[in-house]
Amino acid sequence: MTSAKLFVPIIAALCLAACNSAQPVAVAQAPAVATRSATPAGFDLPAGSGCANAIGRYRAIMDNDLAMGHVNQGVYATIQGEIDSAAAACSAGRDAQAVALVRASKARHGYPG
């Protein structure tokens, strides 16, 4: 067997190894750093009915979830925008619409209604 025939498989193997090693590797993003590991002892949700209380409860839950690291800053910002839309509807006297916006946001992000 000639030396040229021996080099062909070796070169082919090196080329394949180079192709396989050049593929990008996905890197997971680090989760938000939690400031606490449990809900504080005196944590109470606003009681009552109406859109203002529904919005207040959802805000309190989201603030707690962010502080515990259950949601990252990007998701928190998205939900805060949705809550702000509900608060604007509530302030304008559109209670049913505000409560519906809160319910839709909760459903979209996996929170119980």
C-alpha atoms as a PDB file:
ATOM      1  CA  MET A   1       0.000   0.000   0.000  1.00  0.00           C
ATOM      2  CA  THR A   2       1.419   3.405  -0.898  1.00  0.00           C
ATOM      3  CA  SER A   3       1.885   6.190   1.600  1.00  0.00           C
ATOM      4  CA  ALA A   4      -0.567   8.439  -0.293  1.00  0.00           C
ATOM      5  CA  LYS A   5      -3.331   5.887   0.265  1.00  0.00           C
ATOM      6  CA  LEU A   6      -2.581   5.890   4.012  1.00  0.00           C
ATOM      7  CA  PHE A   7      -2.871   9.659   4.299  1.00  0.00           C
ATOM      8  CA  VAL A   8      -6.294   9.917   2.659  1.00  0.00           C
ATOM      9  CA  PRO A   9      -8.213   8.278   5.559  1.00  0.00           C
ATOM     10  CA  ILE A  10      -6.193  10.229   8.114  1.00  0.00           C
ATOM     11  CA  ILE A  11      -6.865  13.548   6.373  1.00  0.00           C
ATOM     12  CA  ALA A  12     -10.557  12.683   6.021  1.00  0.00           C
ATOM     13  CA  ALA A  13     -10.787  11.872   9.737  1.00  0.00           C
ATOM     14  CA  LEU A  14      -9.086  15.139  10.668  1.00  0.00           C
ATOM     15  CA  CYS A  15     -11.446  17.110   8.422  1.00  0.00           C
ATOM     16  CA  LEU A  16     -14.478  15.467  10.006  1.00  0.00           C
ATOM     17  CA  ALA A  17     -13.143  16.136  13.490  1.00  0.00           C
ATOM     18  CA  ALA A  18     -12.599  19.790  12.592  1.00  0.00           C
ATOM     19  CA  CYS A  19     -16.152  20.091  11.259  1.00  0.00           C
ATOM     20  CA  ASN A  20     -17.634  18.530  14.375  1.00  0.00           C
ATOM     21  CA  SER A  21     -15.672  20.744  16.732  1.00  0.00           C
ATOM     22  CA  ALA A  22     -16.598  23.959  14.891  1.00  0.00           C
ATOM     23  CA  GLN A  23     -20.321  23.695  15.638  1.00  0.00           C
ATOM     24  CA  PRO A  24     -21.652  26.390  17.998  1.00  0.00           C
ATOM     25  CA  VAL A  25     -22.461  25.280  21.508  1.00  0.00           C
ATOM     26  CA  ALA A  26     -25.609  26.584  23.185  1.00  0.00           C
ATOM     27  CA  VAL A  27     -24.922  28.247  26.514  1.00  0.00           C
ATOM     28  CA  ALA A  28     -27.690  28.424  29.075  1.00  0.00           C
ATOM     29  CA  GLN A  29     -28.397  31.841  30.538  1.00  0.00           C
ATOM     30  CA  ALA A  30     -27.949  32.083  34.277  1.00  0.00           C
ATOM     31  CA  PRO A  31     -31.215  32.498  36.184  1.00  0.00           C
ATOM     32  CA  ALA A  32     -31.968  35.675  38.064  1.00  0.00           C
ATOM     33  CA  VAL A  33     -30.322  35.785  41.446  1.00  0.00           C
ATOM     34  CA  ALA A  34     -32.934  35.322  44.152  1.00  0.00           C
ATOM     35  CA  THR A  35     -32.826  37.628  47.132  1.00  0.00           C
ATOM     36  CA  ARG A  36     -34.677  35.180  49.341  1.00  0.00           C
ATOM     37  CA  SER A  37     -35.623  31.526  49.352  1.00  0.00           C
ATOM     38  CA  ALA A  38     -39.073  31.716  50.948  1.00  0.00           C
ATOM     39  CA  THR A  39     -42.044  34.023  51.003  1.00  0.00           C
ATOM     40  CA  PRO A  40     -41.737  36.410  53.972  1.00  0.00           C
ATOM     41  CA  ALA A  41     -43.691  35.489  57.107  1.00  0.00           C
ATOM     42  CA  GLY A  42     -45.981  38.535  57.007  1.00  0.00           C
ATOM     43  CA  PHE A  43     -46.767  38.278  53.294  1.00  0.00           C
ATOM     44  CA  ASP A  44     -50.455  39.069  52.755  1.00  0.00           C
ATOM     45  CA  LEU A  45     -52.270  39.528  49.486  1.00  0.00           C
ATOM     46  CA  PRO A  46     -54.732  42.400  49.171  1.00  0.00           C
ATOM     47  CA  ALA A  47     -58.218  41.200  50.048  1.00  0.00           C
ATOM     48  CA  GLY A  48     -61.516  42.124  48.497  1.00  0.00           C
ATOM     49  CA  SER A  49     -63.023  42.206  45.069  1.00  0.00           C
ATOM     50  CA  GLY A  50     -62.808  44.558  42.148  1.00  0.00           C
ATOM     51  CA  CYS A  51     -60.130  45.320  39.643  1.00  0.00           C
ATOM     52  CA  ALA A  52     -57.852  47.289  41.988  1.00  0.00           C
ATOM     53  CA  ASN A  53     -57.596  44.340  44.384  1.00  0.00           C
ATOM     54  CA  ALA A  54     -57.072  41.835  41.554  1.00  0.00           C
ATOM     55  CA  ILE A  55     -54.262  43.997  40.203  1.00  0.00           C
ATOM     56  CA  GLY A  56     -52.749  44.458  43.673  1.00  0.00           C
ATOM     57  CA  ARG A  57     -52.739  40.701  44.299  1.00  0.00           C
ATOM     58  CA  TYR A  58     -51.114  39.956  40.941  1.00  0.00           C
ATOM     59  CA  ARG A  59     -48.449  42.645  41.496  1.00  0.00           C
ATOM     60  CA  ALA A  60     -47.665  41.242  44.960  1.00  0.00           C
ATOM     61  CA  ILE A  61     -47.349  37.703  43.601  1.00  0.00           C
ATOM     62  CA  MET A  62     -45.069  38.837  40.782  1.00  0.00           C
ATOM     63  CA  ASP A  63     -42.862  40.898  43.109  1.00  0.00           C
ATOM     64  CA  ASN A  64     -42.533  37.878  45.389  1.00  0.00           C
ATOM     65  CA  ASP A  65     -41.785  35.520  42.493  1.00  0.00           C
ATOM     66  CA  LEU A  66     -39.095  37.859  41.164  1.00  0.00           C
ATOM     67  CA  ALA A  67     -37.478  38.169  44.603  1.00  0.00           C
ATOM     68  CA  MET A  68     -37.439  34.375  44.945  1.00  0.00           C
ATOM     69  CA  GLY A  69     -36.025  33.819  41.454  1.00  0.00           C
ATOM     70  CA  HIS A  70     -39.121  32.092  40.070  1.00  0.00           C
ATOM     71  CA  VAL A  71     -39.262  34.505  37.113  1.00  0.00           C
ATOM     72  CA  ASN A  72     -36.448  36.292  35.337  1.00  0.00           C
ATOM     73  CA  GLN A  73     -36.320  40.048  34.830  1.00  0.00           C
ATOM     74  CA  GLY A  74     -37.503  39.837  31.212  1.00  0.00           C
ATOM     75  CA  VAL A  75     -40.658  37.877  32.031  1.00  0.00           C
ATOM     76  CA  TYR A  76     -41.279  40.130  35.041  1.00  0.00           C
ATOM     77  CA  ALA A  77     -41.053  43.228  32.817  1.00  0.00           C
ATOM     78  CA  THR A  78     -43.477  41.712  30.316  1.00  0.00           C
ATOM     79  CA  ILE A  79     -45.986  40.878  33.031  1.00  0.00           C
ATOM     80  CA  GLN A  80     -45.606  44.331  34.619  1.00  0.00           C
ATOM     81  CA  GLY A  81     -46.530  45.858  31.250  1.00  0.00           C
ATOM     82  CA  GLU A  82     -49.625  43.666  31.140  1.00  0.00           C
ATOM     83  CA  ILE A  83     -50.512  44.649  34.710  1.00  0.00           C
ATOM     84  CA  ASP A  84     -50.044  48.328  33.819  1.00  0.00           C
ATOM     85  CA  SER A  85     -52.539  47.909  30.957  1.00  0.00           C
ATOM     86  CA  ALA A  86     -55.020  46.360  33.376  1.00  0.00           C
ATOM     87  CA  ALA A  87     -54.419  49.191  35.863  1.00  0.00           C
ATOM     88  CA  ALA A  88     -55.104  51.790  33.157  1.00  0.00           C
ATOM     89  CA  ALA A  89     -58.407  50.073  32.310  1.00  0.00           C
ATOM     90  CA  CYS A  90     -59.269  49.918  36.012  1.00  0.00           C
ATOM     91  CA  SER A  91     -58.514  53.619  36.487  1.00  0.00           C
ATOM     92  CA  ALA A  92     -60.732  54.435  33.525  1.00  0.00           C
ATOM     93  CA  GLY A  93     -63.660  52.627  35.178  1.00  0.00           C
ATOM     94  CA  ARG A  94     -63.513  49.565  32.938  1.00  0.00           C
ATOM     95  CA  ASP A  95     -63.474  47.051  35.796  1.00  0.00           C
ATOM     96  CA  ALA A  96     -64.539  44.005  33.769  1.00  0.00           C
ATOM     97  CA  GLN A  97     -61.902  44.666  31.129  1.00  0.00           C
ATOM     98  CA  ALA A  98     -59.202  45.149  33.778  1.00  0.00           C
ATOM     99  CA  VAL A  99     -60.063  41.874  35.529  1.00  0.00           C
ATOM    100  CA  ALA A 100     -60.149  40.109  32.144  1.00  0.00           C
ATOM    101  CA  LEU A 101     -56.676  41.468  31.328  1.00  0.00           C
ATOM    102  CA  VAL A 102     -55.327  40.165  34.644  1.00  0.00           C
ATOM    103  CA  ARG A 103     -56.894  36.742  34.049  1.00  0.00           C
ATOM    104  CA  ALA A 104     -55.507  36.587  30.500  1.00  0.00           C
ATOM    105  CA  SER A 105     -52.012  37.499  31.702  1.00  0.00           C
ATOM    106  CA  LYS A 106     -52.126  34.876  34.444  1.00  0.00           C
ATOM    107  CA  ALA A 107     -53.261  32.214  31.973  1.00  0.00           C
ATOM    108  CA  ARG A 108     -50.592  33.209  29.460  1.00  0.00           C
ATOM    109  CA  HIS A 109     -47.833  32.910  32.044  1.00  0.00           C
ATOM    110  CA  GLY A 110     -49.087  29.798  33.856  1.00  0.00           C
ATOM    111  CA  TYR A 111     -50.554  31.334  37.015  1.00  0.00           C
ATOM    112  CA  PRO A 112     -53.824  29.940  38.372  1.00  0.00           C
ATOM    113  CA  GLY A 113     -56.875  32.069  37.681  1.00  0.00           C
END
